């Protein structure tokens, strides 16, 4: 399988069916992960412990109407609706402390977020 790497080069990925075999291909696995996130049809964002955005995929940027560069200069708190901010920040802190492995607000959807044109 061929995929584009983060540097826009094509990488040949081995078919990895054995988890132990996968350990021998860290660069290929990283390229697969990066491409999976970047080209996902859903918005995905990674945040730093302080709540600033570390990486936002294309769908996330499109959903909110901001460029990745603009989002890296802002934070989760600044884009979260005031009524949802406390729960969102508490969930984020619990994740970084290791108290939980994942977190969502409002069931399966995320907190209401301020998009450039209103709310997403």
Foldseek 3Di string as FASTA:
>chain_A
DWDAFPVRHIDDDDDDPDPVVVVVPVRNVNRVVVCCQQPPCAWDWDADLVFQTPFIHPNNCVVQVHDRVVSNVDGPLVFAPPVCNVVVNVQSNCCVVVVDVDDAPPPPHHGWTHGPVGTD
